[in-house]
C-alpha atoms as a PDB file:
ATOM      1  CA  UNK A   1       3.804   8.835   1.225  1.00  0.00           C
ATOM      2  CA  UNK A   2       6.143   7.383  -1.237  1.00  0.00           C
ATOM      3  CA  UNK A   3       7.860   5.237   1.323  1.00  0.00           C
ATOM      4  CA  UNK A   4       4.656   4.061   3.298  1.00  0.00           C
ATOM      5  CA  UNK A   5       3.108   3.262   0.026  1.00  0.00           C
ATOM      6  CA  UNK A   6       5.763   0.972  -0.680  1.00  0.00           C
ATOM      7  CA  UNK A   7       5.780  -0.858   2.566  1.00  0.00           C
ATOM      8  CA  UNK A   8       2.062  -1.144   2.599  1.00  0.00           C
ATOM      9  CA  UNK A   9       1.926  -2.580  -1.174  1.00  0.00           C
ATOM     10  CA  UNK A  10       4.524  -5.170   0.024  1.00  0.00           C
ATOM     11  CA  UNK A  11       2.638  -6.090   3.121  1.00  0.00           C
ATOM     12  CA  UNK A  12      -0.572  -6.577   0.973  1.00  0.00           C
ATOM     13  CA  UNK A  13       1.300  -8.659  -1.702  1.00  0.00           C
ATOM     14  CA  UNK A  14       3.041 -10.772   0.774  1.00  0.00           C
ATOM     15  CA  UNK A  15       0.719 -11.090   3.770  1.00  0.00           C
ATOM     16  CA  UNK A  16      -1.970 -13.985   4.021  1.00  0.00           C
ATOM     17  CA  UNK A  17      -4.760 -11.766   5.499  1.00  0.00           C
ATOM     18  CA  UNK A  18      -3.759  -9.113   7.900  1.00  0.00           C
ATOM     19  CA  UNK A  19      -1.658  -6.143   7.775  1.00  0.00           C
ATOM     20  CA  UNK A  20      -1.201  -3.734  10.735  1.00  0.00           C
ATOM     21  CA  UNK A  21       0.451  -0.059  10.472  1.00  0.00           C
ATOM     22  CA  UNK A  22       1.367   1.350  14.027  1.00  0.00           C
ATOM     23  CA  UNK A  23       3.454   4.183  15.291  1.00  0.00           C
ATOM     24  CA  UNK A  24       5.087   5.852  18.048  1.00  0.00           C
ATOM     25  CA  UNK A  25       6.676   9.190  18.634  1.00  0.00           C
ATOM     26  CA  UNK A  26       8.996  10.434  20.928  1.00  0.00           C
ATOM     27  CA  UNK A  27      11.479  13.395  21.424  1.00  0.00           C
ATOM     28  CA  UNK A  28      13.801  11.264  19.345  1.00  0.00           C
ATOM     29  CA  UNK A  29      11.620  10.841  16.353  1.00  0.00           C
ATOM     30  CA  UNK A  30       9.135   8.730  15.349  1.00  0.00           C
ATOM     31  CA  UNK A  31       9.009   4.791  14.518  1.00  0.00           C
ATOM     32  CA  UNK A  32       6.754   3.386  12.142  1.00  0.00           C
ATOM     33  CA  UNK A  33       5.705  -0.291  11.891  1.00  0.00           C
ATOM     34  CA  UNK A  34       4.189  -2.132   8.975  1.00  0.00           C
ATOM     35  CA  UNK A  35       3.544  -5.686   9.878  1.00  0.00           C
ATOM     36  CA  UNK A  36       2.162  -8.746   7.905  1.00  0.00           C
ATOM     37  CA  UNK A  37       0.916 -12.306   8.612  1.00  0.00           C
ATOM     38  CA  UNK A  38       2.835 -13.726   5.528  1.00  0.00           C
ATOM     39  CA  UNK A  39       5.863 -15.962   5.266  1.00  0.00           C
ATOM     40  CA  UNK A  40       8.439 -12.839   6.406  1.00  0.00           C
ATOM     41  CA  UNK A  41      11.733 -12.277   5.477  1.00  0.00           C
ATOM     42  CA  UNK A  42      14.447 -14.528   7.146  1.00  0.00           C
ATOM     43  CA  UNK A  43      17.106 -12.431   8.911  1.00  0.00           C
ATOM     44  CA  UNK A  44      19.840 -13.908   6.560  1.00  0.00           C
ATOM     45  CA  UNK A  45      18.047 -11.947   3.665  1.00  0.00           C
ATOM     46  CA  UNK A  46      17.039  -8.812   5.646  1.00  0.00           C
ATOM     47  CA  UNK A  47      19.746  -6.977   3.870  1.00  0.00           C
ATOM     48  CA  UNK A  48      19.769  -8.455   0.673  1.00  0.00           C
ATOM     49  CA  UNK A  49      15.968  -7.480   0.121  1.00  0.00           C
ATOM     50  CA  UNK A  50      16.940  -3.775   0.978  1.00  0.00           C
ATOM     51  CA  UNK A  51      19.456  -3.707  -2.369  1.00  0.00           C
ATOM     52  CA  UNK A  52      18.233  -2.685  -5.740  1.00  0.00           C
ATOM     53  CA  UNK A  53      16.932  -5.589  -7.752  1.00  0.00           C
ATOM     54  CA  UNK A  54      17.116  -8.228  -4.861  1.00  0.00           C
ATOM     55  CA  UNK A  55      13.737 -10.277  -4.671  1.00  0.00           C
ATOM     56  CA  UNK A  56      12.917 -13.126  -2.303  1.00  0.00           C
ATOM     57  CA  UNK A  57       9.863 -14.139  -4.395  1.00  0.00           C
ATOM     58  CA  UNK A  58       9.432 -14.315  -7.958  1.00  0.00           C
ATOM     59  CA  UNK A  59       5.631 -15.469  -7.550  1.00  0.00           C
ATOM     60  CA  UNK A  60       4.437 -11.913  -7.312  1.00  0.00           C
ATOM     61  CA  UNK A  61       4.908  -8.983  -9.913  1.00  0.00           C
ATOM     62  CA  UNK A  62       7.768  -6.452  -9.215  1.00  0.00           C
ATOM     63  CA  UNK A  63      10.975  -5.378 -10.094  1.00  0.00           C
ATOM     64  CA  UNK A  64      12.969  -5.617  -6.793  1.00  0.00           C
ATOM     65  CA  UNK A  65      13.404  -1.892  -6.102  1.00  0.00           C
ATOM     66  CA  UNK A  66      10.437  -1.144  -3.491  1.00  0.00           C
ATOM     67  CA  UNK A  67      12.207  -1.738  -0.414  1.00  0.00           C
ATOM     68  CA  UNK A  68      15.608  -0.271  -1.543  1.00  0.00           C
ATOM     69  CA  UNK A  69      13.599   3.057  -2.410  1.00  0.00           C
ATOM     70  CA  UNK A  70      12.264   2.999   0.697  1.00  0.00           C
ATOM     71  CA  UNK A  71      15.564   2.610   2.450  1.00  0.00           C
ATOM     72  CA  UNK A  72      16.930   5.451   0.436  1.00  0.00           C
ATOM     73  CA  UNK A  73      14.214   7.641   1.223  1.00  0.00           C
ATOM     74  CA  UNK A  74      14.488   7.059   5.174  1.00  0.00           C
ATOM     75  CA  UNK A  75      18.250   7.085   4.974  1.00  0.00           C
ATOM     76  CA  UNK A  76      17.944  10.667   3.106  1.00  0.00           C
ATOM     77  CA  UNK A  77      16.094  11.864   6.524  1.00  0.00           C
ATOM     78  CA  UNK A  78      18.854  10.477   8.795  1.00  0.00           C
ATOM     79  CA  UNK A  79      16.766   7.507   9.426  1.00  0.00           C
ATOM     80  CA  UNK A  80      17.053   3.740   9.011  1.00  0.00           C
ATOM     81  CA  UNK A  81      14.585   0.633   7.643  1.00  0.00           C
ATOM     82  CA  UNK A  82      14.758  -2.403   9.788  1.00  0.00           C
ATOM     83  CA  UNK A  83      13.328  -5.627   8.653  1.00  0.00           C
ATOM     84  CA  UNK A  84      12.281  -7.612  11.629  1.00  0.00           C
ATOM     85  CA  UNK A  85       9.900 -10.399  12.511  1.00  0.00           C
ATOM     86  CA  UNK A  86       5.976  -9.287  13.476  1.00  0.00           C
ATOM     87  CA  UNK A  87       4.124 -10.836  16.060  1.00  0.00           C
ATOM     88  CA  UNK A  88       1.427 -11.762  13.466  1.00  0.00           C
ATOM     89  CA  UNK A  89       3.861 -14.235  11.951  1.00  0.00           C
ATOM     90  CA  UNK A  90       5.370 -12.350   8.735  1.00  0.00           C
ATOM     91  CA  UNK A  91       7.438  -9.515   8.275  1.00  0.00           C
ATOM     92  CA  UNK A  92       7.702  -6.204  10.558  1.00  0.00           C
ATOM     93  CA  UNK A  93       9.378  -3.293   8.452  1.00  0.00           C
ATOM     94  CA  UNK A  94      10.115  -0.502  11.070  1.00  0.00           C
ATOM     95  CA  UNK A  95      10.887   3.003   9.694  1.00  0.00           C
ATOM     96  CA  UNK A  96      12.897   4.868  12.345  1.00  0.00           C
ATOM     97  CA  UNK A  97      13.246   8.703  11.438  1.00  0.00           C
ATOM     98  CA  UNK A  98      14.921  11.029  13.780  1.00  0.00           C
ATOM     99  CA  UNK A  99      13.684  14.434  14.610  1.00  0.00           C
ATOM    100  CA  UNK A 100      15.798  17.319  12.934  1.00  0.00           C
END
């Protein structure tokens, strides 16, 4: 609940009009996508936005810890948070969580 809430909050804050949430399951685990139609996250800043206190946009309220917390939670389950580009035009934050 915590990491999905943070991902959806970011998509809502930084998207223009659309947010899409999708998921896939396989024998390996689950893959959750939270996409938006905002400006996106440049690949050069993808690692940086996952660090505590790092923000790309100072226009929206926030502390710059949301994505770091998401990354920490997913890592605790042996997974990975990937920052990509959505077909909607903005960010595609992908949570990969393996089966245990």
